Amino acid sequence: MCAIKLIILDVDGVLTDGSIIYGGGDLEIKTFNVQDGFGITMAQHAGLKFGILTGRVSDTVARRVKELHFDYYESGHFYKRDALMGIISDAKLTKDSVLYMGDDILDLVCQPYVGLFVAPENAGKRVKSSADWVTKAQGGQGAVREMIDGLLEAQGVLKENEDYFIGAKGLEQKNENICG
């Protein structure tokens, strides 16, 4: 896990619980977990980059991407392999530096091209059995935060990041990754 520098997330079923509420006109409502969002902010502070790779096109997701300052955003990709490869190439990384988190069959195509494939608890049976890591939390209910906390802990920077955000003294600069 020390090699991970880029985290790419699916949206529906990972950042959300997979529900979509339609209102009048083009109104689409999704709920996002604020602890997931803050986990992303902590990981960005630790130097990790983030991307979204989703099959749907959604103004709601575009807003969340902007709020959380994602580095990469690819939407409308039912077949995700080419978009994934484009992100990895643009980031100038190797597969071992990339973590992908997805919950459904369409995400499995990404597994051979990343170093670590993570699934939330609510993922489909085949996805969970193929994953390198299955979170205890479900998508939209802290799964992304659980994954980020585990990754930052493995990289030796979780406590330092938590201390930074609670205002502990002496942590005005970015953390050094113990992984090198």
N, C-alpha and C. Protein backbone atom coordinates (compact mmCIF):
# COMPACT_ATOMS: atom_id res chain seq x y z
N MET A 1 0.82 -1.20 0.00
CA MET A 1 0.00 0.00 0.00
C MET A 1 0.85 1.26 0.00
N CYS A 2 2.11 1.12 0.33
CA CYS A 2 2.99 2.28 0.36
C CYS A 2 3.14 2.93 -1.01
N ALA A 3 3.01 2.16 -2.07
CA ALA A 3 3.23 2.68 -3.41
C ALA A 3 2.07 3.52 -3.94
N ILE A 4 0.90 3.47 -3.30
CA ILE A 4 -0.29 4.14 -3.83
C ILE A 4 -0.10 5.66 -3.79
N LYS A 5 -0.32 6.27 -4.96
CA LYS A 5 -0.23 7.73 -5.11
C LYS A 5 -1.51 8.32 -5.69
N LEU A 6 -2.35 7.46 -6.29
CA LEU A 6 -3.58 7.90 -6.95
C LEU A 6 -4.71 6.96 -6.57
N ILE A 7 -5.83 7.54 -6.13
CA ILE A 7 -7.03 6.78 -5.81
C ILE A 7 -8.12 7.17 -6.80
N ILE A 8 -8.65 6.17 -7.49
CA ILE A 8 -9.73 6.40 -8.44
C ILE A 8 -10.99 5.72 -7.90
N LEU A 9 -12.08 6.48 -7.87
CA LEU A 9 -13.32 6.01 -7.28
C LEU A 9 -14.45 5.97 -8.30
N ASP A 10 -15.24 4.91 -8.25
CA ASP A 10 -16.55 4.91 -8.88
C ASP A 10 -17.45 5.78 -7.99
N VAL A 11 -18.62 6.14 -8.47
CA VAL A 11 -19.49 7.00 -7.67
C VAL A 11 -20.65 6.22 -7.06
N ASP A 12 -21.59 5.79 -7.90
CA ASP A 12 -22.80 5.15 -7.41
C ASP A 12 -22.48 3.80 -6.78
N GLY A 13 -22.76 3.68 -5.49
CA GLY A 13 -22.44 2.47 -4.75
C GLY A 13 -21.11 2.53 -4.03
N VAL A 14 -20.32 3.58 -4.27
CA VAL A 14 -19.03 3.77 -3.60
C VAL A 14 -19.06 5.08 -2.81
N LEU A 15 -19.15 6.20 -3.51
CA LEU A 15 -19.30 7.49 -2.83
C LEU A 15 -20.74 7.73 -2.38
N THR A 16 -21.68 7.02 -2.99
CA THR A 16 -23.09 7.09 -2.58
C THR A 16 -23.56 5.67 -2.26
N ASP A 17 -24.77 5.57 -1.74
CA ASP A 17 -25.32 4.23 -1.47
C ASP A 17 -25.91 3.60 -2.72
N GLY A 18 -25.80 4.28 -3.84
CA GLY A 18 -26.31 3.76 -5.10
C GLY A 18 -27.70 4.26 -5.45
N SER A 19 -28.33 4.97 -4.53
CA SER A 19 -29.68 5.50 -4.78
C SER A 19 -29.62 6.77 -5.61
N ILE A 20 -30.62 6.94 -6.46
CA ILE A 20 -30.78 8.18 -7.22
C ILE A 20 -32.22 8.62 -7.03
N ILE A 21 -32.42 9.87 -6.66
CA ILE A 21 -33.76 10.43 -6.52
C ILE A 21 -33.95 11.43 -7.66
N TYR A 22 -35.01 11.24 -8.43
CA TYR A 22 -35.34 12.17 -9.50
C TYR A 22 -36.46 13.08 -9.05
N GLY A 23 -36.29 14.38 -9.31
CA GLY A 23 -37.33 15.35 -9.05
C GLY A 23 -37.88 15.86 -10.37
N GLY A 24 -38.58 16.96 -10.34
CA GLY A 24 -39.11 17.54 -11.56
C GLY A 24 -38.00 17.99 -12.50
N GLY A 25 -38.27 17.92 -13.78
CA GLY A 25 -37.27 18.33 -14.77
C GLY A 25 -36.05 17.43 -14.73
N ASP A 26 -34.88 18.06 -14.70
CA ASP A 26 -33.62 17.32 -14.70
C ASP A 26 -33.03 17.15 -13.30
N LEU A 27 -33.82 17.44 -12.27
CA LEU A 27 -33.31 17.37 -10.90
C LEU A 27 -32.93 15.94 -10.54
N GLU A 28 -31.69 15.80 -10.08
CA GLU A 28 -31.17 14.51 -9.62
C GLU A 28 -30.53 14.73 -8.26
N ILE A 29 -30.91 13.91 -7.30
CA ILE A 29 -30.39 14.06 -5.95
C ILE A 29 -29.63 12.79 -5.56
N LYS A 30 -28.42 12.99 -5.05
CA LYS A 30 -27.60 11.90 -4.50
C LYS A 30 -27.12 12.37 -3.14
N THR A 31 -26.89 11.45 -2.24
CA THR A 31 -26.33 11.83 -0.95
C THR A 31 -24.90 11.32 -0.86
N PHE A 32 -24.04 12.18 -0.34
CA PHE A 32 -22.63 11.86 -0.14
C PHE A 32 -22.32 11.91 1.35
N ASN A 33 -21.42 11.08 1.79
CA ASN A 33 -21.04 11.00 3.19
C ASN A 33 -19.94 12.03 3.47
N VAL A 34 -20.18 12.90 4.45
CA VAL A 34 -19.19 13.95 4.74
C VAL A 34 -17.89 13.38 5.31
N GLN A 35 -17.96 12.25 6.00
CA GLN A 35 -16.72 11.64 6.49
C GLN A 35 -15.87 11.13 5.33
N ASP A 36 -16.52 10.60 4.29
CA ASP A 36 -15.77 10.24 3.08
C ASP A 36 -15.08 11.47 2.52
N GLY A 37 -15.83 12.57 2.44
CA GLY A 37 -15.28 13.81 1.88
C GLY A 37 -14.09 14.32 2.67
N PHE A 38 -14.20 14.29 4.00
CA PHE A 38 -13.07 14.76 4.80
C PHE A 38 -11.89 13.81 4.70
N GLY A 39 -12.16 12.53 4.58
CA GLY A 39 -11.07 11.57 4.35
C GLY A 39 -10.31 11.89 3.08
N ILE A 40 -11.04 12.27 2.03
CA ILE A 40 -10.40 12.66 0.77
C ILE A 40 -9.53 13.89 0.99
N THR A 41 -10.03 14.86 1.74
CA THR A 41 -9.25 16.06 2.05
C THR A 41 -7.98 15.70 2.81
N MET A 42 -8.08 14.81 3.80
CA MET A 42 -6.89 14.38 4.54
C MET A 42 -5.88 13.69 3.64
N ALA A 43 -6.38 12.83 2.76
CA ALA A 43 -5.47 12.10 1.86
C ALA A 43 -4.80 13.05 0.87
N GLN A 44 -5.53 14.06 0.42
CA GLN A 44 -4.93 15.07 -0.46
C GLN A 44 -3.83 15.82 0.29
N HIS A 45 -4.05 16.12 1.54
CA HIS A 45 -3.03 16.78 2.35
C HIS A 45 -1.78 15.91 2.47
N ALA A 46 -1.98 14.60 2.49
CA ALA A 46 -0.86 13.66 2.57
C ALA A 46 -0.17 13.47 1.22
N GLY A 47 -0.69 14.13 0.17
CA GLY A 47 -0.05 14.08 -1.14
C GLY A 47 -0.68 13.14 -2.15
N LEU A 48 -1.77 12.48 -1.78
CA LEU A 48 -2.44 11.58 -2.73
C LEU A 48 -3.30 12.36 -3.71
N LYS A 49 -3.40 11.84 -4.91
CA LYS A 49 -4.25 12.41 -5.96
C LYS A 49 -5.53 11.59 -6.04
N PHE A 50 -6.60 12.20 -6.57
CA PHE A 50 -7.89 11.53 -6.67
C PHE A 50 -8.51 11.69 -8.04
N GLY A 51 -9.21 10.64 -8.45
CA GLY A 51 -9.96 10.66 -9.69
C GLY A 51 -11.32 10.01 -9.51
N ILE A 52 -12.25 10.42 -10.34
CA ILE A 52 -13.58 9.81 -10.43
C ILE A 52 -13.69 9.18 -11.80
N LEU A 53 -14.19 7.96 -11.83
CA LEU A 53 -14.46 7.26 -13.09
C LEU A 53 -15.84 6.63 -12.96
N THR A 54 -16.81 7.21 -13.66
CA THR A 54 -18.20 6.78 -13.51
C THR A 54 -18.88 6.59 -14.85
N GLY A 55 -19.81 5.68 -14.87
CA GLY A 55 -20.55 5.41 -16.09
C GLY A 55 -21.63 6.43 -16.38
N ARG A 56 -22.06 7.16 -15.37
CA ARG A 56 -23.15 8.12 -15.54
C ARG A 56 -22.60 9.54 -15.66
N VAL A 57 -23.37 10.38 -16.33
CA VAL A 57 -23.08 11.81 -16.41
C VAL A 57 -24.05 12.50 -15.46
N SER A 58 -23.52 13.31 -14.54
CA SER A 58 -24.36 13.89 -13.51
C SER A 58 -23.81 15.24 -13.06
N ASP A 59 -24.66 16.27 -13.10
CA ASP A 59 -24.26 17.58 -12.59
C ASP A 59 -23.99 17.52 -11.09
N THR A 60 -24.72 16.67 -10.40
CA THR A 60 -24.53 16.51 -8.96
C THR A 60 -23.13 15.99 -8.65
N VAL A 61 -22.69 15.02 -9.41
CA VAL A 61 -21.34 14.47 -9.21
C VAL A 61 -20.29 15.51 -9.60
N ALA A 62 -20.52 16.22 -10.70
CA ALA A 62 -19.57 17.27 -11.12
C ALA A 62 -19.40 18.31 -10.01
N ARG A 63 -20.47 18.63 -9.32
CA ARG A 63 -20.38 19.58 -8.21
C ARG A 63 -19.52 19.03 -7.08
N ARG A 64 -19.72 17.75 -6.74
CA ARG A 64 -18.94 17.13 -5.67
C ARG A 64 -17.45 17.06 -6.04
N VAL A 65 -17.18 16.74 -7.30
CA VAL A 65 -15.80 16.70 -7.80
C VAL A 65 -15.14 18.06 -7.62
N LYS A 66 -15.86 19.11 -7.94
CA LYS A 66 -15.33 20.48 -7.81
C LYS A 66 -15.12 20.83 -6.34
N GLU A 67 -16.09 20.51 -5.49
CA GLU A 67 -15.97 20.81 -4.06
C GLU A 67 -14.75 20.16 -3.43
N LEU A 68 -14.46 18.93 -3.84
CA LEU A 68 -13.37 18.17 -3.23
C LEU A 68 -12.06 18.26 -4.01
N HIS A 69 -12.04 19.07 -5.06
CA HIS A 69 -10.80 19.32 -5.82
C HIS A 69 -10.16 18.04 -6.36
N PHE A 70 -10.98 17.19 -6.98
CA PHE A 70 -10.43 15.98 -7.60
C PHE A 70 -9.49 16.36 -8.73
N ASP A 71 -8.49 15.56 -8.94
CA ASP A 71 -7.50 15.80 -9.99
C ASP A 71 -7.99 15.31 -11.35
N TYR A 72 -8.82 14.28 -11.35
CA TYR A 72 -9.30 13.67 -12.60
C TYR A 72 -10.79 13.38 -12.47
N TYR A 73 -11.51 13.62 -13.56
CA TYR A 73 -12.95 13.36 -13.57
C TYR A 73 -13.35 12.85 -14.94
N GLU A 74 -13.74 11.60 -15.00
CA GLU A 74 -14.20 10.98 -16.24
C GLU A 74 -15.60 10.43 -16.00
N SER A 75 -16.58 10.95 -16.75
CA SER A 75 -17.95 10.48 -16.61
C SER A 75 -18.49 10.02 -17.96
N GLY A 76 -19.54 9.22 -17.90
CA GLY A 76 -20.16 8.72 -19.12
C GLY A 76 -19.41 7.56 -19.74
N HIS A 77 -18.62 6.84 -18.94
CA HIS A 77 -17.82 5.72 -19.45
C HIS A 77 -18.41 4.40 -18.96
N PHE A 78 -19.27 3.81 -19.77
CA PHE A 78 -19.85 2.51 -19.43
C PHE A 78 -18.76 1.45 -19.42
N TYR A 79 -17.88 1.51 -20.40
CA TYR A 79 -16.70 0.64 -20.45
C TYR A 79 -15.52 1.47 -19.96
N LYS A 80 -14.98 1.15 -18.81
CA LYS A 80 -14.09 2.05 -18.08
C LYS A 80 -12.61 1.89 -18.38
N ARG A 81 -12.19 0.83 -19.02
CA ARG A 81 -10.77 0.54 -19.19
C ARG A 81 -10.01 1.66 -19.86
N ASP A 82 -10.50 2.15 -21.00
CA ASP A 82 -9.77 3.18 -21.74
C ASP A 82 -9.64 4.47 -20.94
N ALA A 83 -10.71 4.86 -20.26
CA ALA A 83 -10.65 6.08 -19.44
C ALA A 83 -9.67 5.90 -18.28
N LEU A 84 -9.68 4.73 -17.67
CA LEU A 84 -8.73 4.44 -16.59
C LEU A 84 -7.30 4.54 -17.09
N MET A 85 -7.03 3.92 -18.23
CA MET A 85 -5.67 3.95 -18.78
C MET A 85 -5.25 5.38 -19.12
N GLY A 86 -6.21 6.20 -19.57
CA GLY A 86 -5.92 7.60 -19.86
C GLY A 86 -5.53 8.37 -18.60
N ILE A 87 -6.25 8.14 -17.52
CA ILE A 87 -5.92 8.81 -16.25
C ILE A 87 -4.54 8.39 -15.77
N ILE A 88 -4.27 7.10 -15.78
CA ILE A 88 -2.97 6.60 -15.31
C ILE A 88 -1.83 7.16 -16.17
N SER A 89 -2.04 7.22 -17.47
CA SER A 89 -1.03 7.77 -18.37
C SER A 89 -0.82 9.26 -18.11
N ASP A 90 -1.92 9.99 -17.96
CA ASP A 90 -1.83 11.43 -17.70
C ASP A 90 -1.12 11.71 -16.37
N ALA A 91 -1.34 10.85 -15.39
CA ALA A 91 -0.69 11.01 -14.08
C ALA A 91 0.76 10.55 -14.09
N LYS A 92 1.18 9.91 -15.19
CA LYS A 92 2.54 9.40 -15.33
C LYS A 92 2.90 8.43 -14.20
N LEU A 93 1.98 7.50 -13.96
CA LEU A 93 2.16 6.50 -12.91
C LEU A 93 2.14 5.10 -13.49
N THR A 94 2.61 4.15 -12.71
CA THR A 94 2.47 2.75 -13.07
C THR A 94 1.26 2.19 -12.33
N LYS A 95 0.81 1.03 -12.74
CA LYS A 95 -0.38 0.43 -12.13
C LYS A 95 -0.21 0.22 -10.63
N ASP A 96 1.00 -0.08 -10.18
CA ASP A 96 1.23 -0.33 -8.75
C ASP A 96 1.00 0.89 -7.88
N SER A 97 0.95 2.07 -8.49
CA SER A 97 0.74 3.31 -7.76
C SER A 97 -0.73 3.71 -7.69
N VAL A 98 -1.62 2.86 -8.23
CA VAL A 98 -3.03 3.24 -8.36
C VAL A 98 -3.92 2.28 -7.58
N LEU A 99 -4.85 2.87 -6.82
CA LEU A 99 -5.90 2.13 -6.13
C LEU A 99 -7.22 2.48 -6.80
N TYR A 100 -8.04 1.48 -7.07
CA TYR A 100 -9.37 1.70 -7.65
C TYR A 100 -10.39 1.11 -6.70
N MET A 101 -11.48 1.86 -6.46
CA MET A 101 -12.56 1.37 -5.62
C MET A 101 -13.85 1.35 -6.41
N GLY A 102 -14.43 0.16 -6.56
CA GLY A 102 -15.67 0.00 -7.31
C GLY A 102 -16.55 -1.05 -6.69
N ASP A 103 -17.82 -1.05 -7.11
CA ASP A 103 -18.80 -1.93 -6.47
C ASP A 103 -19.53 -2.88 -7.40
N ASP A 104 -19.35 -2.74 -8.71
CA ASP A 104 -20.18 -3.54 -9.61
C ASP A 104 -19.35 -4.17 -10.72
N ILE A 105 -19.98 -5.02 -11.49
CA ILE A 105 -19.32 -5.77 -12.55
C ILE A 105 -18.54 -4.86 -13.50
N LEU A 106 -19.11 -3.69 -13.81
CA LEU A 106 -18.44 -2.77 -14.74
C LEU A 106 -17.10 -2.28 -14.21
N ASP A 107 -16.89 -2.38 -12.91
CA ASP A 107 -15.63 -1.93 -12.31
C ASP A 107 -14.54 -3.00 -12.38
N LEU A 108 -14.93 -4.25 -12.52
CA LEU A 108 -13.94 -5.34 -12.54
C LEU A 108 -12.95 -5.22 -13.69
N VAL A 109 -13.35 -4.57 -14.79
CA VAL A 109 -12.44 -4.41 -15.92
C VAL A 109 -11.20 -3.59 -15.51
N CYS A 110 -11.32 -2.81 -14.45
CA CYS A 110 -10.21 -1.97 -13.99
C CYS A 110 -9.19 -2.75 -13.17
N GLN A 111 -9.59 -3.86 -12.58
CA GLN A 111 -8.72 -4.57 -11.64
C GLN A 111 -7.34 -4.94 -12.18
N PRO A 112 -7.23 -5.47 -13.40
CA PRO A 112 -5.89 -5.86 -13.87
C PRO A 112 -4.94 -4.68 -14.11
N TYR A 113 -5.47 -3.47 -14.12
CA TYR A 113 -4.68 -2.29 -14.47
C TYR A 113 -4.32 -1.42 -13.27
N VAL A 114 -4.63 -1.90 -12.05
CA VAL A 114 -4.31 -1.15 -10.84
C VAL A 114 -3.57 -2.04 -9.85
N GLY A 115 -2.88 -1.40 -8.92
CA GLY A 115 -2.14 -2.15 -7.92
C GLY A 115 -3.00 -2.69 -6.81
N LEU A 116 -4.11 -2.00 -6.50
CA LEU A 116 -4.98 -2.42 -5.41
C LEU A 116 -6.42 -2.14 -5.81
N PHE A 117 -7.26 -3.17 -5.75
CA PHE A 117 -8.68 -3.05 -6.09
C PHE A 117 -9.49 -3.25 -4.82
N VAL A 118 -10.28 -2.23 -4.46
CA VAL A 118 -11.04 -2.23 -3.22
C VAL A 118 -12.53 -2.21 -3.55
N ALA A 119 -13.31 -2.94 -2.77
CA ALA A 119 -14.77 -2.96 -2.92
C ALA A 119 -15.42 -2.62 -1.59
N PRO A 120 -16.53 -1.86 -1.62
CA PRO A 120 -17.28 -1.63 -0.39
C PRO A 120 -18.11 -2.87 -0.04
N GLU A 121 -18.56 -2.95 1.18
CA GLU A 121 -19.33 -4.11 1.65
C GLU A 121 -20.56 -4.39 0.79
N ASN A 122 -21.17 -3.36 0.23
CA ASN A 122 -22.39 -3.53 -0.57
C ASN A 122 -22.12 -3.96 -2.01
N ALA A 123 -20.88 -4.18 -2.36
CA ALA A 123 -20.54 -4.58 -3.74
C ALA A 123 -21.16 -5.94 -4.06
N GLY A 124 -21.29 -6.19 -5.35
CA GLY A 124 -21.79 -7.48 -5.79
C GLY A 124 -20.87 -8.61 -5.36
N LYS A 125 -21.42 -9.81 -5.28
CA LYS A 125 -20.69 -10.98 -4.80
C LYS A 125 -19.41 -11.22 -5.61
N ARG A 126 -19.50 -11.16 -6.92
CA ARG A 126 -18.33 -11.42 -7.76
C ARG A 126 -17.26 -10.35 -7.56
N VAL A 127 -17.69 -9.11 -7.40
CA VAL A 127 -16.74 -8.01 -7.18
C VAL A 127 -16.03 -8.20 -5.85
N LYS A 128 -16.78 -8.52 -4.80
CA LYS A 128 -16.17 -8.72 -3.49
C LYS A 128 -15.20 -9.90 -3.49
N SER A 129 -15.56 -10.96 -4.19
CA SER A 129 -14.67 -12.13 -4.20
C SER A 129 -13.40 -11.87 -5.02
N SER A 130 -13.44 -10.90 -5.92
CA SER A 130 -12.28 -10.55 -6.74
C SER A 130 -11.41 -9.47 -6.11
N ALA A 131 -11.96 -8.72 -5.16
CA ALA A 131 -11.28 -7.56 -4.59
C ALA A 131 -10.08 -7.96 -3.73
N ASP A 132 -9.09 -7.08 -3.71
CA ASP A 132 -7.94 -7.24 -2.82
C ASP A 132 -8.32 -6.90 -1.38
N TRP A 133 -9.34 -6.04 -1.25
CA TRP A 133 -9.74 -5.54 0.07
C TRP A 133 -11.22 -5.20 -0.02
N VAL A 134 -12.00 -5.67 0.94
CA VAL A 134 -13.42 -5.32 1.05
C VAL A 134 -13.60 -4.57 2.36
N THR A 135 -14.15 -3.36 2.28
CA THR A 135 -14.36 -2.57 3.49
C THR A 135 -15.52 -3.16 4.30
N LYS A 136 -15.55 -2.84 5.57
CA LYS A 136 -16.68 -3.24 6.41
C LYS A 136 -17.86 -2.31 6.19
N ALA A 137 -17.58 -1.06 5.86
CA ALA A 137 -18.63 -0.07 5.61
C ALA A 137 -19.16 -0.20 4.18
N GLN A 138 -20.39 0.22 4.01
CA GLN A 138 -21.01 0.21 2.70
C GLN A 138 -20.74 1.53 1.98
N GLY A 139 -20.92 1.50 0.66
CA GLY A 139 -20.77 2.71 -0.13
C GLY A 139 -21.74 3.78 0.34
N GLY A 140 -21.26 5.02 0.40
CA GLY A 140 -22.09 6.13 0.86
C GLY A 140 -22.27 6.17 2.36
N GLN A 141 -21.67 5.21 3.05
CA GLN A 141 -21.80 5.14 4.51
C GLN A 141 -20.44 4.98 5.18
N GLY A 142 -19.43 5.60 4.58
CA GLY A 142 -18.10 5.61 5.19
C GLY A 142 -17.10 4.63 4.60
N ALA A 143 -17.44 3.95 3.52
CA ALA A 143 -16.50 2.98 2.93
C ALA A 143 -15.24 3.66 2.40
N VAL A 144 -15.41 4.82 1.78
CA VAL A 144 -14.25 5.54 1.24
C VAL A 144 -13.36 6.01 2.39
N ARG A 145 -13.94 6.51 3.45
CA ARG A 145 -13.17 6.96 4.61
C ARG A 145 -12.42 5.79 5.24
N GLU A 146 -13.10 4.65 5.38
CA GLU A 146 -12.45 3.46 5.94
C GLU A 146 -11.23 3.06 5.10
N MET A 147 -11.40 3.09 3.79
CA MET A 147 -10.29 2.75 2.89
C MET A 147 -9.15 3.76 3.04
N ILE A 148 -9.49 5.04 3.07
CA ILE A 148 -8.47 6.09 3.18
C ILE A 148 -7.73 5.99 4.52
N ASP A 149 -8.47 5.82 5.60
CA ASP A 149 -7.82 5.69 6.91
C ASP A 149 -6.87 4.49 6.93
N GLY A 150 -7.30 3.38 6.36
CA GLY A 150 -6.44 2.19 6.30
C GLY A 150 -5.20 2.42 5.47
N LEU A 151 -5.37 3.11 4.35
CA LEU A 151 -4.23 3.40 3.47
C LEU A 151 -3.26 4.36 4.14
N LEU A 152 -3.78 5.45 4.72
CA LEU A 152 -2.90 6.42 5.39
C LEU A 152 -2.20 5.79 6.60
N GLU A 153 -2.89 4.90 7.29
CA GLU A 153 -2.26 4.20 8.41
C GLU A 153 -1.12 3.31 7.91
N ALA A 154 -1.35 2.59 6.82
CA ALA A 154 -0.31 1.73 6.25
C ALA A 154 0.88 2.55 5.76
N GLN A 155 0.62 3.77 5.31
CA GLN A 155 1.69 4.65 4.84
C GLN A 155 2.33 5.43 5.98
N GLY A 156 1.81 5.26 7.19
CA GLY A 156 2.41 5.88 8.37
C GLY A 156 2.10 7.35 8.55
N VAL A 157 1.03 7.85 7.95
CA VAL A 157 0.73 9.28 8.05
C VAL A 157 -0.66 9.59 8.58
N LEU A 158 -1.40 8.59 9.03
CA LEU A 158 -2.77 8.84 9.50
C LEU A 158 -2.80 9.75 10.71
N LYS A 159 -2.07 9.39 11.76
CA LYS A 159 -2.11 10.19 12.99
C LYS A 159 -1.62 11.62 12.75
N GLU A 160 -0.56 11.76 11.98
CA GLU A 160 -0.03 13.09 11.69
C GLU A 160 -1.06 13.94 10.96
N ASN A 161 -1.80 13.34 10.04
CA ASN A 161 -2.83 14.08 9.32
C ASN A 161 -3.98 14.44 10.24
N GLU A 162 -4.40 13.51 11.07
CA GLU A 162 -5.46 13.82 12.02
C GLU A 162 -5.02 14.95 12.94
N ASP A 163 -3.78 14.88 13.45
CA ASP A 163 -3.26 15.92 14.33
C ASP A 163 -3.23 17.27 13.62
N TYR A 164 -2.83 17.28 12.37
CA TYR A 164 -2.79 18.53 11.60
C TYR A 164 -4.17 19.17 11.57
N PHE A 165 -5.18 18.37 11.29
CA PHE A 165 -6.52 18.93 11.13
C PHE A 165 -7.20 19.27 12.45
N ILE A 166 -6.70 18.74 13.58
CA ILE A 166 -7.25 19.18 14.86
C ILE A 166 -6.42 20.31 15.45
N GLY A 167 -5.39 20.74 14.72
CA GLY A 167 -4.62 21.91 15.12
C GLY A 167 -3.46 21.64 16.03
N ALA A 168 -2.97 20.42 16.06
CA ALA A 168 -1.80 20.11 16.89
C ALA A 168 -0.61 20.93 16.43
N LYS A 169 0.20 21.38 17.38
CA LYS A 169 1.33 22.25 17.06
C LYS A 169 2.45 21.50 16.37
N GLY A 170 3.20 22.22 15.57
CA GLY A 170 4.38 21.66 14.93
C GLY A 170 4.10 20.90 13.66
N LEU A 171 2.90 21.01 13.14
CA LEU A 171 2.55 20.26 11.94
C LEU A 171 2.11 21.20 10.82
N GLU A 172 2.81 22.30 10.66
CA GLU A 172 2.41 23.27 9.65
C GLU A 172 2.76 22.85 8.24
N GLN A 173 3.59 21.84 8.08
CA GLN A 173 3.99 21.42 6.74
C GLN A 173 3.39 20.05 6.42
N LYS A 174 3.45 19.71 5.15
CA LYS A 174 2.93 18.41 4.72
C LYS A 174 3.70 17.29 5.40
N ASN A 175 3.01 16.19 5.60
CA ASN A 175 3.61 15.03 6.26
C ASN A 175 4.57 14.32 5.33
N GLU A 176 5.56 13.71 5.91
CA GLU A 176 6.47 12.86 5.17
C GLU A 176 5.94 11.44 5.22
N ASN A 177 5.93 10.79 4.10
CA ASN A 177 5.44 9.42 4.00
C ASN A 177 6.55 8.47 4.44
N ILE A 178 6.28 7.62 5.43
CA ILE A 178 7.31 6.69 5.91
C ILE A 178 7.67 5.64 4.87
N CYS A 179 6.87 5.56 3.83
CA CYS A 179 7.13 4.56 2.79
C CYS A 179 8.26 4.99 1.87
N GLY A 180 8.69 6.24 1.97
CA GLY A 180 9.80 6.68 1.15
C GLY A 180 9.44 7.48 0.04
